[in-house]
Amino acid sequence: MCHGVDARGSGPLAHSSKPATPDLTTPAFRARLSQYPGVIISSIVLRPNGDLIPKTLRDNGYKLPSHTWTIRDLRSINEYLSTLITKNK
């Protein structure tokens, strides 16, 4: 919804969050990803107040079921996004 299918920050809610959704395929972000492999998950978990992503979705009419994240969930997200980012150079 935010980063888009190509991780370029082109999804329908890309400009609805504050700050706006970044392009995760830039050389700067790819370099950061290679230097700090946990940057994706820390960005999700450590958002301001830990609520930026859910708040943006709720504010735009998306209902989110409650979910307790597991380590496996976070690793899966990290693997998926890392693969998507490096594929879209």
N, C-alpha and C. Protein backbone atom coordinates (compact mmCIF):
# COMPACT_ATOMS: atom_id res chain seq x y z
N MET A 1 0.81 -1.19 0.00
CA MET A 1 0.00 0.00 0.00
C MET A 1 0.86 1.26 0.00
N CYS A 2 2.01 1.19 0.61
CA CYS A 2 2.84 2.39 0.71
C CYS A 2 4.06 2.34 -0.23
N HIS A 3 4.87 1.32 -0.08
CA HIS A 3 6.08 1.24 -0.91
C HIS A 3 5.80 0.79 -2.34
N GLY A 4 4.65 0.17 -2.57
CA GLY A 4 4.32 -0.30 -3.91
C GLY A 4 4.92 -1.67 -4.18
N VAL A 5 4.47 -2.29 -5.26
CA VAL A 5 4.94 -3.64 -5.58
C VAL A 5 6.42 -3.68 -5.94
N ASP A 6 6.98 -2.52 -6.30
CA ASP A 6 8.39 -2.47 -6.68
C ASP A 6 9.29 -1.88 -5.60
N ALA A 7 8.71 -1.56 -4.43
CA ALA A 7 9.43 -0.99 -3.28
C ALA A 7 9.97 0.41 -3.53
N ARG A 8 9.45 1.09 -4.54
CA ARG A 8 9.94 2.43 -4.90
C ARG A 8 9.17 3.58 -4.24
N GLY A 9 8.28 3.26 -3.31
CA GLY A 9 7.50 4.31 -2.66
C GLY A 9 6.41 4.85 -3.56
N SER A 10 5.87 3.97 -4.40
CA SER A 10 4.89 4.40 -5.40
C SER A 10 3.50 3.83 -5.17
N GLY A 11 3.25 3.28 -3.98
CA GLY A 11 1.94 2.70 -3.69
C GLY A 11 0.88 3.77 -3.49
N PRO A 12 -0.39 3.36 -3.44
CA PRO A 12 -1.48 4.32 -3.33
C PRO A 12 -1.45 5.17 -2.06
N LEU A 13 -0.77 4.71 -1.01
CA LEU A 13 -0.69 5.50 0.22
C LEU A 13 0.69 6.12 0.43
N ALA A 14 1.51 6.15 -0.60
CA ALA A 14 2.89 6.61 -0.48
C ALA A 14 3.02 8.01 0.12
N HIS A 15 2.11 8.89 -0.21
CA HIS A 15 2.22 10.27 0.28
C HIS A 15 1.29 10.55 1.45
N SER A 16 0.66 9.51 1.97
CA SER A 16 -0.26 9.69 3.09
C SER A 16 0.42 9.64 4.44
N SER A 17 1.59 9.06 4.51
CA SER A 17 2.29 8.98 5.79
C SER A 17 3.18 10.21 5.96
N LYS A 18 3.46 10.51 7.20
CA LYS A 18 4.36 11.62 7.53
C LYS A 18 5.48 11.02 8.36
N PRO A 19 6.69 10.91 7.87
CA PRO A 19 7.19 11.36 6.58
C PRO A 19 6.67 10.48 5.44
N ALA A 20 6.76 11.01 4.23
CA ALA A 20 6.31 10.26 3.05
C ALA A 20 7.10 8.97 2.91
N THR A 21 6.51 8.00 2.27
CA THR A 21 7.11 6.69 2.09
C THR A 21 8.36 6.78 1.21
N PRO A 22 9.50 6.27 1.68
CA PRO A 22 10.72 6.35 0.88
C PRO A 22 10.82 5.26 -0.20
N ASP A 23 11.63 5.54 -1.19
CA ASP A 23 11.99 4.57 -2.22
C ASP A 23 13.09 3.70 -1.63
N LEU A 24 12.79 2.42 -1.45
CA LEU A 24 13.75 1.51 -0.84
C LEU A 24 14.77 0.95 -1.83
N THR A 25 14.67 1.35 -3.10
CA THR A 25 15.58 0.80 -4.10
C THR A 25 16.71 1.75 -4.46
N THR A 26 16.80 2.88 -3.79
CA THR A 26 17.87 3.83 -4.10
C THR A 26 19.23 3.23 -3.73
N PRO A 27 20.29 3.68 -4.40
CA PRO A 27 21.62 3.19 -4.03
C PRO A 27 21.94 3.44 -2.55
N ALA A 28 21.51 4.57 -2.01
CA ALA A 28 21.79 4.88 -0.60
C ALA A 28 21.12 3.87 0.32
N PHE A 29 19.86 3.53 0.05
CA PHE A 29 19.19 2.56 0.92
C PHE A 29 19.77 1.17 0.74
N ARG A 30 20.10 0.79 -0.50
CA ARG A 30 20.71 -0.52 -0.71
C ARG A 30 22.05 -0.62 0.02
N ALA A 31 22.83 0.47 0.02
CA ALA A 31 24.10 0.47 0.75
C ALA A 31 23.85 0.33 2.24
N ARG A 32 22.84 1.04 2.73
CA ARG A 32 22.49 0.94 4.15
C ARG A 32 22.04 -0.48 4.50
N LEU A 33 21.27 -1.10 3.62
CA LEU A 33 20.82 -2.47 3.83
C LEU A 33 22.00 -3.43 3.91
N SER A 34 23.00 -3.24 3.05
CA SER A 34 24.16 -4.14 3.08
C SER A 34 25.02 -3.90 4.31
N GLN A 35 25.09 -2.65 4.78
CA GLN A 35 25.88 -2.34 5.97
C GLN A 35 25.16 -2.73 7.26
N TYR A 36 23.84 -2.65 7.23
CA TYR A 36 23.04 -2.94 8.42
C TYR A 36 21.84 -3.77 8.01
N PRO A 37 21.99 -5.10 7.92
CA PRO A 37 20.92 -5.96 7.42
C PRO A 37 19.60 -5.85 8.19
N GLY A 38 19.63 -5.39 9.43
CA GLY A 38 18.41 -5.27 10.23
C GLY A 38 17.67 -3.96 10.04
N VAL A 39 18.11 -3.12 9.10
CA VAL A 39 17.52 -1.80 8.94
C VAL A 39 16.03 -1.86 8.59
N ILE A 40 15.60 -2.84 7.83
CA ILE A 40 14.18 -2.94 7.46
C ILE A 40 13.33 -3.19 8.70
N ILE A 41 13.70 -4.17 9.48
CA ILE A 41 12.91 -4.53 10.64
C ILE A 41 12.98 -3.43 11.70
N SER A 42 14.15 -2.85 11.90
CA SER A 42 14.23 -1.78 12.89
C SER A 42 13.39 -0.59 12.45
N SER A 43 13.29 -0.36 11.15
CA SER A 43 12.45 0.73 10.65
C SER A 43 10.98 0.46 10.93
N ILE A 44 10.57 -0.79 10.84
CA ILE A 44 9.17 -1.15 11.12
C ILE A 44 8.90 -1.07 12.61
N VAL A 45 9.77 -1.64 13.41
CA VAL A 45 9.55 -1.74 14.84
C VAL A 45 9.77 -0.41 15.56
N LEU A 46 10.73 0.37 15.11
CA LEU A 46 11.11 1.59 15.83
C LEU A 46 10.50 2.86 15.24
N ARG A 47 9.45 2.75 14.48
CA ARG A 47 8.77 3.94 13.97
C ARG A 47 8.38 4.85 15.13
N PRO A 48 8.22 6.15 14.86
CA PRO A 48 7.79 7.05 15.95
C PRO A 48 6.54 6.48 16.64
N ASN A 49 6.62 6.33 17.92
CA ASN A 49 5.56 5.75 18.75
C ASN A 49 5.22 4.32 18.35
N GLY A 50 6.01 3.71 17.47
CA GLY A 50 5.76 2.34 17.04
C GLY A 50 4.44 2.17 16.29
N ASP A 51 3.88 3.27 15.77
CA ASP A 51 2.52 3.20 15.22
C ASP A 51 2.37 3.86 13.85
N LEU A 52 3.43 4.31 13.21
CA LEU A 52 3.29 5.05 11.96
C LEU A 52 2.59 4.24 10.88
N ILE A 53 3.03 3.02 10.65
CA ILE A 53 2.45 2.21 9.58
C ILE A 53 0.99 1.86 9.87
N PRO A 54 0.67 1.30 11.06
CA PRO A 54 -0.74 1.03 11.33
C PRO A 54 -1.61 2.28 11.32
N LYS A 55 -1.10 3.40 11.85
CA LYS A 55 -1.87 4.64 11.88
C LYS A 55 -2.17 5.13 10.46
N THR A 56 -1.18 5.10 9.59
CA THR A 56 -1.39 5.53 8.20
C THR A 56 -2.46 4.67 7.54
N LEU A 57 -2.40 3.37 7.74
CA LEU A 57 -3.40 2.48 7.15
C LEU A 57 -4.79 2.77 7.73
N ARG A 58 -4.89 2.87 9.06
CA ARG A 58 -6.19 3.15 9.69
C ARG A 58 -6.75 4.49 9.22
N ASP A 59 -5.91 5.51 9.17
CA ASP A 59 -6.36 6.85 8.76
C ASP A 59 -6.88 6.86 7.33
N ASN A 60 -6.50 5.87 6.54
CA ASN A 60 -6.92 5.80 5.14
C ASN A 60 -7.96 4.69 4.90
N GLY A 61 -8.61 4.28 5.98
CA GLY A 61 -9.75 3.38 5.87
C GLY A 61 -9.44 1.90 5.83
N TYR A 62 -8.22 1.50 6.12
CA TYR A 62 -7.87 0.09 6.13
C TYR A 62 -7.99 -0.46 7.54
N LYS A 63 -8.78 -1.50 7.69
CA LYS A 63 -8.95 -2.13 9.00
C LYS A 63 -7.88 -3.20 9.18
N LEU A 64 -7.19 -3.09 10.28
CA LEU A 64 -6.12 -4.04 10.56
C LEU A 64 -6.52 -4.97 11.70
N PRO A 65 -6.45 -6.27 11.47
CA PRO A 65 -6.72 -7.17 12.60
C PRO A 65 -5.56 -7.09 13.59
N SER A 66 -5.84 -7.33 14.84
CA SER A 66 -4.75 -7.31 15.81
C SER A 66 -3.82 -8.48 15.48
N HIS A 67 -2.54 -8.27 15.68
CA HIS A 67 -1.56 -9.29 15.34
C HIS A 67 -0.35 -9.13 16.25
N THR A 68 0.08 -10.21 16.82
CA THR A 68 1.30 -10.21 17.61
C THR A 68 2.42 -10.73 16.71
N TRP A 69 3.40 -9.88 16.45
CA TRP A 69 4.50 -10.26 15.56
C TRP A 69 5.39 -11.29 16.23
N THR A 70 5.81 -12.26 15.44
CA THR A 70 6.77 -13.26 15.91
C THR A 70 8.11 -12.99 15.25
N ILE A 71 9.13 -13.58 15.77
CA ILE A 71 10.46 -13.47 15.15
C ILE A 71 10.40 -14.00 13.72
N ARG A 72 9.68 -15.08 13.52
CA ARG A 72 9.56 -15.65 12.18
C ARG A 72 8.89 -14.67 11.22
N ASP A 73 7.83 -13.97 11.67
CA ASP A 73 7.18 -12.95 10.84
C ASP A 73 8.17 -11.88 10.41
N LEU A 74 8.93 -11.37 11.38
CA LEU A 74 9.87 -10.29 11.09
C LEU A 74 10.98 -10.76 10.16
N ARG A 75 11.45 -11.98 10.36
CA ARG A 75 12.48 -12.52 9.45
C ARG A 75 11.93 -12.69 8.04
N SER A 76 10.68 -13.12 7.92
CA SER A 76 10.05 -13.29 6.61
C SER A 76 9.91 -11.95 5.90
N ILE A 77 9.48 -10.92 6.63
CA ILE A 77 9.37 -9.58 6.05
C ILE A 77 10.73 -9.11 5.57
N ASN A 78 11.74 -9.29 6.42
CA ASN A 78 13.08 -8.86 6.08
C ASN A 78 13.59 -9.57 4.83
N GLU A 79 13.39 -10.87 4.75
CA GLU A 79 13.85 -11.63 3.59
C GLU A 79 13.13 -11.18 2.31
N TYR A 80 11.81 -11.06 2.41
CA TYR A 80 11.03 -10.64 1.24
C TYR A 80 11.46 -9.26 0.75
N LEU A 81 11.53 -8.28 1.65
CA LEU A 81 11.89 -6.93 1.24
C LEU A 81 13.33 -6.84 0.76
N SER A 82 14.23 -7.54 1.42
CA SER A 82 15.64 -7.53 0.97
C SER A 82 15.76 -8.06 -0.45
N THR A 83 15.05 -9.14 -0.74
CA THR A 83 15.06 -9.71 -2.09
C THR A 83 14.46 -8.74 -3.09
N LEU A 84 13.34 -8.12 -2.74
CA LEU A 84 12.66 -7.16 -3.63
C LEU A 84 13.55 -5.96 -3.90
N ILE A 85 14.19 -5.44 -2.87
CA ILE A 85 15.05 -4.25 -3.01
C ILE A 85 16.24 -4.53 -3.90
N THR A 86 16.90 -5.65 -3.68
CA THR A 86 18.10 -5.94 -4.49
C THR A 86 17.72 -6.33 -5.92
N LYS A 87 16.52 -6.85 -6.12
CA LYS A 87 16.06 -7.20 -7.47
C LYS A 87 15.75 -5.94 -8.29
N ASN A 88 15.26 -4.89 -7.65
CA ASN A 88 14.84 -3.66 -8.34
C ASN A 88 15.93 -2.60 -8.33
N LYS A 89 17.08 -2.95 -8.85
CA LYS A 89 18.20 -1.99 -8.90
C LYS A 89 18.04 -1.02 -10.03
